[in-house]
Amino acid sequence: MAYKITHVSRAQEIRFPTQAAAEHYADRLGGGLDKWRVREAGAGAANPGGVPQPGSRG
């Protein structure tokens, strides 16, 4: 199952193959888990927080 992290204060979203990989990135390289939302890719709202989606024409 793929996971993604979405930054809570800027338009940034990154996909990962596993939840562990997503959490590791957010915690160690992304400034801390408190700055990111980790969830299953495809779960929740289609475009949370106005994060631009690839291929969209703003």
PDB file of N, CA and C in Angstrom:
ATOM      1  N   MET A   1       0.854  -1.179   0.000  1.00  0.00           N
ATOM      2  CA  MET A   1       0.000   0.000   0.000  1.00  0.00           C
ATOM      3  C   MET A   1       0.897   1.238   0.000  1.00  0.00           C
ATOM      4  N   ALA A   2       0.633   2.169  -0.888  1.00  0.00           N
ATOM      5  CA  ALA A   2       1.385   3.417  -0.975  1.00  0.00           C
ATOM      6  C   ALA A   2       0.875   4.409   0.067  1.00  0.00           C
ATOM      7  N   TYR A   3       1.782   5.240   0.550  1.00  0.00           N
ATOM      8  CA  TYR A   3       1.455   6.295   1.504  1.00  0.00           C
ATOM      9  C   TYR A   3       1.976   7.609   0.973  1.00  0.00           C
ATOM     10  N   LYS A   4       1.395   8.682   1.480  1.00  0.00           N
ATOM     11  CA  LYS A   4       1.895   9.998   1.119  1.00  0.00           C
ATOM     12  C   LYS A   4       1.950  10.867   2.363  1.00  0.00           C
ATOM     13  N   ILE A   5       2.854  11.838   2.307  1.00  0.00           N
ATOM     14  CA  ILE A   5       2.908  12.836   3.367  1.00  0.00           C
ATOM     15  C   ILE A   5       2.582  14.180   2.732  1.00  0.00           C
ATOM     16  N   THR A   6       1.821  14.966   3.456  1.00  0.00           N
ATOM     17  CA  THR A   6       1.434  16.294   3.003  1.00  0.00           C
ATOM     18  C   THR A   6       1.877  17.293   4.064  1.00  0.00           C
ATOM     19  N   HIS A   7       2.614  18.311   3.648  1.00  0.00           N
ATOM     20  CA  HIS A   7       3.094  19.317   4.594  1.00  0.00           C
ATOM     21  C   HIS A   7       1.919  20.130   5.097  1.00  0.00           C
ATOM     22  N   VAL A   8       1.916  20.450   6.388  1.00  0.00           N
ATOM     23  CA  VAL A   8       0.763  21.137   6.974  1.00  0.00           C
ATOM     24  C   VAL A   8       0.700  22.621   6.628  1.00  0.00           C
ATOM     25  N   SER A   9       1.823  23.253   6.240  1.00  0.00           N
ATOM     26  CA  SER A   9       1.777  24.692   6.008  1.00  0.00           C
ATOM     27  C   SER A   9       2.226  25.136   4.624  1.00  0.00           C
ATOM     28  N   ARG A  10       2.632  24.213   3.775  1.00  0.00           N
ATOM     29  CA  ARG A  10       2.981  24.608   2.408  1.00  0.00           C
ATOM     30  C   ARG A  10       2.523  23.523   1.436  1.00  0.00           C
ATOM     31  N   ALA A  11       2.416  23.890   0.195  1.00  0.00           N
ATOM     32  CA  ALA A  11       1.908  22.967  -0.826  1.00  0.00           C
ATOM     33  C   ALA A  11       2.993  21.989  -1.240  1.00  0.00           C
ATOM     34  N   GLN A  12       3.170  20.957  -0.422  1.00  0.00           N
ATOM     35  CA  GLN A  12       4.145  19.927  -0.745  1.00  0.00           C
ATOM     36  C   GLN A  12       3.575  18.572  -0.365  1.00  0.00           C
ATOM     37  N   GLU A  13       3.670  17.630  -1.277  1.00  0.00           N
ATOM     38  CA  GLU A  13       3.160  16.288  -1.057  1.00  0.00           C
ATOM     39  C   GLU A  13       4.143  15.304  -1.685  1.00  0.00           C
ATOM     40  N   ILE A  14       4.479  14.240  -0.935  1.00  0.00           N
ATOM     41  CA  ILE A  14       5.450  13.256  -1.406  1.00  0.00           C
ATOM     42  C   ILE A  14       4.891  11.863  -1.175  1.00  0.00           C
ATOM     43  N   ARG A  15       5.007  10.988  -2.180  1.00  0.00           N
ATOM     44  CA  ARG A  15       4.542   9.593  -2.084  1.00  0.00           C
ATOM     45  C   ARG A  15       5.689   8.677  -1.675  1.00  0.00           C
ATOM     46  N   PHE A  16       5.333   7.616  -0.945  1.00  0.00           N
ATOM     47  CA  PHE A  16       6.291   6.611  -0.501  1.00  0.00           C
ATOM     48  C   PHE A  16       5.670   5.228  -0.651  1.00  0.00           C
ATOM     49  N   PRO A  17       6.508   4.205  -0.807  1.00  0.00           N
ATOM     50  CA  PRO A  17       5.973   2.855  -0.971  1.00  0.00           C
ATOM     51  C   PRO A  17       5.412   2.262   0.324  1.00  0.00           C
ATOM     52  N   THR A  18       5.887   2.736   1.485  1.00  0.00           N
ATOM     53  CA  THR A  18       5.422   2.199   2.764  1.00  0.00           C
ATOM     54  C   THR A  18       5.205   3.319   3.764  1.00  0.00           C
ATOM     55  N   GLN A  19       4.420   3.024   4.797  1.00  0.00           N
ATOM     56  CA  GLN A  19       4.193   3.992   5.866  1.00  0.00           C
ATOM     57  C   GLN A  19       5.490   4.278   6.615  1.00  0.00           C
ATOM     58  N   ALA A  20       6.292   3.249   6.833  1.00  0.00           N
ATOM     59  CA  ALA A  20       7.562   3.429   7.543  1.00  0.00           C
ATOM     60  C   ALA A  20       8.481   4.390   6.793  1.00  0.00           C
ATOM     61  N   ALA A  21       8.542   4.256   5.470  1.00  0.00           N
ATOM     62  CA  ALA A  21       9.373   5.146   4.668  1.00  0.00           C
ATOM     63  C   ALA A  21       8.866   6.592   4.755  1.00  0.00           C
ATOM     64  N   ALA A  22       7.552   6.770   4.695  1.00  0.00           N
ATOM     65  CA  ALA A  22       6.964   8.111   4.782  1.00  0.00           C
ATOM     66  C   ALA A  22       7.266   8.750   6.133  1.00  0.00           C
ATOM     67  N   GLU A  23       7.077   7.995   7.205  1.00  0.00           N
ATOM     68  CA  GLU A  23       7.332   8.523   8.542  1.00  0.00           C
ATOM     69  C   GLU A  23       8.814   8.794   8.764  1.00  0.00           C
ATOM     70  N   HIS A  24       9.674   7.935   8.233  1.00  0.00           N
ATOM     71  CA  HIS A  24      11.117   8.148   8.372  1.00  0.00           C
ATOM     72  C   HIS A  24      11.526   9.449   7.702  1.00  0.00           C
ATOM     73  N   TYR A  25      11.059   9.675   6.479  1.00  0.00           N
ATOM     74  CA  TYR A  25      11.380  10.908   5.767  1.00  0.00           C
ATOM     75  C   TYR A  25      10.898  12.125   6.557  1.00  0.00           C
ATOM     76  N   ALA A  26       9.642  12.102   6.966  1.00  0.00           N
ATOM     77  CA  ALA A  26       9.071  13.246   7.677  1.00  0.00           C
ATOM     78  C   ALA A  26       9.827  13.526   8.970  1.00  0.00           C
ATOM     79  N   ASP A  27      10.151  12.483   9.701  1.00  0.00           N
ATOM     80  CA  ASP A  27      10.806  12.639  11.001  1.00  0.00           C
ATOM     81  C   ASP A  27      12.257  13.066  10.870  1.00  0.00           C
ATOM     82  N   ARG A  28      13.004  12.396  10.018  1.00  0.00           N
ATOM     83  CA  ARG A  28      14.448  12.614   9.940  1.00  0.00           C
ATOM     84  C   ARG A  28      14.849  13.718   8.963  1.00  0.00           C
ATOM     85  N   LEU A  29      14.166  13.802   7.835  1.00  0.00           N
ATOM     86  CA  LEU A  29      14.584  14.725   6.774  1.00  0.00           C
ATOM     87  C   LEU A  29      13.615  15.875   6.542  1.00  0.00           C
ATOM     88  N   GLY A  30      12.382  15.716   6.969  1.00  0.00           N
ATOM     89  CA  GLY A  30      11.362  16.717   6.683  1.00  0.00           C
ATOM     90  C   GLY A  30      11.094  17.698   7.807  1.00  0.00           C
ATOM     91  N   GLY A  31      11.889  17.663   8.864  1.00  0.00           N
ATOM     92  CA  GLY A  31      11.726  18.625   9.945  1.00  0.00           C
ATOM     93  C   GLY A  31      10.873  18.148  11.102  1.00  0.00           C
ATOM     94  N   GLY A  32      10.387  16.917  11.059  1.00  0.00           N
ATOM     95  CA  GLY A  32       9.601  16.373  12.158  1.00  0.00           C
ATOM     96  C   GLY A  32       8.211  15.949  11.735  1.00  0.00           C
ATOM     97  N   LEU A  33       7.716  14.911  12.379  1.00  0.00           N
ATOM     98  CA  LEU A  33       6.388  14.378  12.055  1.00  0.00           C
ATOM     99  C   LEU A  33       5.280  15.395  12.297  1.00  0.00           C
ATOM    100  N   ASP A  34       5.493  16.334  13.223  1.00  0.00           N
ATOM    101  CA  ASP A  34       4.460  17.323  13.519  1.00  0.00           C
ATOM    102  C   ASP A  34       4.209  18.283  12.358  1.00  0.00           C
ATOM    103  N   LYS A  35       5.114  18.326  11.390  1.00  0.00           N
ATOM    104  CA  LYS A  35       4.965  19.217  10.239  1.00  0.00           C
ATOM    105  C   LYS A  35       4.308  18.535   9.040  1.00  0.00           C
ATOM    106  N   TRP A  36       3.986  17.239   9.161  1.00  0.00           N
ATOM    107  CA  TRP A  36       3.452  16.460   8.048  1.00  0.00           C
ATOM    108  C   TRP A  36       2.241  15.650   8.472  1.00  0.00           C
ATOM    109  N   ARG A  37       1.335  15.400   7.516  1.00  0.00           N
ATOM    110  CA  ARG A  37       0.238  14.449   7.702  1.00  0.00           C
ATOM    111  C   ARG A  37       0.582  13.216   6.888  1.00  0.00           C
ATOM    112  N   VAL A  38       0.579  12.052   7.522  1.00  0.00           N
ATOM    113  CA  VAL A  38       0.874  10.795   6.840  1.00  0.00           C
ATOM    114  C   VAL A  38      -0.433  10.044   6.668  1.00  0.00           C
ATOM    115  N   ARG A  39      -0.715   9.605   5.434  1.00  0.00           N
ATOM    116  CA  ARG A  39      -1.921   8.812   5.208  1.00  0.00           C
ATOM    117  C   ARG A  39      -1.772   7.981   3.944  1.00  0.00           C
ATOM    118  N   GLU A  40      -2.675   7.044   3.777  1.00  0.00           N
ATOM    119  CA  GLU A  40      -2.662   6.195   2.594  1.00  0.00           C
ATOM    120  C   GLU A  40      -2.874   7.052   1.356  1.00  0.00           C
ATOM    121  N   ALA A  41      -2.121   6.762   0.317  1.00  0.00           N
ATOM    122  CA  ALA A  41      -2.325   7.459  -0.954  1.00  0.00           C
ATOM    123  C   ALA A  41      -3.691   7.057  -1.485  1.00  0.00           C
ATOM    124  N   GLY A  42      -4.483   8.022  -1.851  1.00  0.00           N
ATOM    125  CA  GLY A  42      -5.832   7.746  -2.331  1.00  0.00           C
ATOM    126  C   GLY A  42      -6.885   7.840  -1.242  1.00  0.00           C
ATOM    127  N   ALA A  43      -6.481   7.977   0.017  1.00  0.00           N
ATOM    128  CA  ALA A  43      -7.431   8.106   1.126  1.00  0.00           C
ATOM    129  C   ALA A  43      -7.749   9.573   1.369  1.00  0.00           C
ATOM    130  N   GLY A  44      -8.928   9.848   1.844  1.00  0.00           N
ATOM    131  CA  GLY A  44      -9.321  11.202   2.224  1.00  0.00           C
ATOM    132  C   GLY A  44      -9.745  12.037   1.036  1.00  0.00           C
ATOM    133  N   ALA A  45      -9.678  13.348   1.213  1.00  0.00           N
ATOM    134  CA  ALA A  45     -10.119  14.289   0.183  1.00  0.00           C
ATOM    135  C   ALA A  45      -9.223  14.197  -1.046  1.00  0.00           C
ATOM    136  N   ALA A  46      -9.796  14.505  -2.187  1.00  0.00           N
ATOM    137  CA  ALA A  46      -9.062  14.424  -3.448  1.00  0.00           C
ATOM    138  C   ALA A  46      -7.933  15.443  -3.517  1.00  0.00           C
ATOM    139  N   ASN A  47      -8.116  16.617  -2.953  1.00  0.00           N
ATOM    140  CA  ASN A  47      -7.104  17.668  -3.006  1.00  0.00           C
ATOM    141  C   ASN A  47      -7.086  18.430  -1.686  1.00  0.00           C
ATOM    142  N   PRO A  48      -6.540  17.838  -0.622  1.00  0.00           N
ATOM    143  CA  PRO A  48      -6.554  18.480   0.697  1.00  0.00           C
ATOM    144  C   PRO A  48      -5.691  19.727   0.744  1.00  0.00           C
ATOM    145  N   GLY A  49      -6.240  20.784   1.269  1.00  0.00           N
ATOM    146  CA  GLY A  49      -5.481  22.011   1.472  1.00  0.00           C
ATOM    147  C   GLY A  49      -5.036  22.704   0.208  1.00  0.00           C
ATOM    148  N   GLY A  50      -5.638  22.383  -0.909  1.00  0.00           N
ATOM    149  CA  GLY A  50      -5.280  23.052  -2.147  1.00  0.00           C
ATOM    150  C   GLY A  50      -3.920  22.665  -2.693  1.00  0.00           C
ATOM    151  N   VAL A  51      -3.407  21.505  -2.353  1.00  0.00           N
ATOM    152  CA  VAL A  51      -2.119  21.066  -2.859  1.00  0.00           C
ATOM    153  C   VAL A  51      -2.259  20.800  -4.352  1.00  0.00           C
ATOM    154  N   PRO A  52      -1.429  21.447  -5.176  1.00  0.00           N
ATOM    155  CA  PRO A  52      -1.533  21.243  -6.620  1.00  0.00           C
ATOM    156  C   PRO A  52      -1.280  19.787  -6.986  1.00  0.00           C
ATOM    157  N   GLN A  53      -2.091  19.255  -7.885  1.00  0.00           N
ATOM    158  CA  GLN A  53      -1.926  17.893  -8.333  1.00  0.00           C
ATOM    159  C   GLN A  53      -1.168  17.885  -9.653  1.00  0.00           C
ATOM    160  N   PRO A  54      -0.320  16.868  -9.867  1.00  0.00           N
ATOM    161  CA  PRO A  54       0.409  16.816 -11.143  1.00  0.00           C
ATOM    162  C   PRO A  54      -0.571  16.806 -12.311  1.00  0.00           C
ATOM    163  N   GLY A  55      -0.239  17.580 -13.326  1.00  0.00           N
ATOM    164  CA  GLY A  55      -1.068  17.623 -14.521  1.00  0.00           C
ATOM    165  C   GLY A  55      -2.250  18.573 -14.437  1.00  0.00           C
ATOM    166  N   SER A  56      -2.472  19.182 -13.261  1.00  0.00           N
ATOM    167  CA  SER A  56      -3.597  20.127 -13.166  1.00  0.00           C
ATOM    168  C   SER A  56      -3.178  21.475 -13.731  1.00  0.00           C
ATOM    169  N   ARG A  57      -4.133  22.188 -14.230  1.00  0.00           N
ATOM    170  CA  ARG A  57      -3.848  23.504 -14.812  1.00  0.00           C
ATOM    171  C   ARG A  57      -4.508  24.570 -13.965  1.00  0.00           C
ATOM    172  N   GLY A  58      -3.913  24.770 -12.788  1.00  0.00           N
ATOM    173  CA  GLY A  58      -4.270  25.692 -11.771  1.00  0.00           C
ATOM    174  C   GLY A  58      -5.384  26.550 -11.914  1.00  0.00           C
TER     175      GLY A  58
END
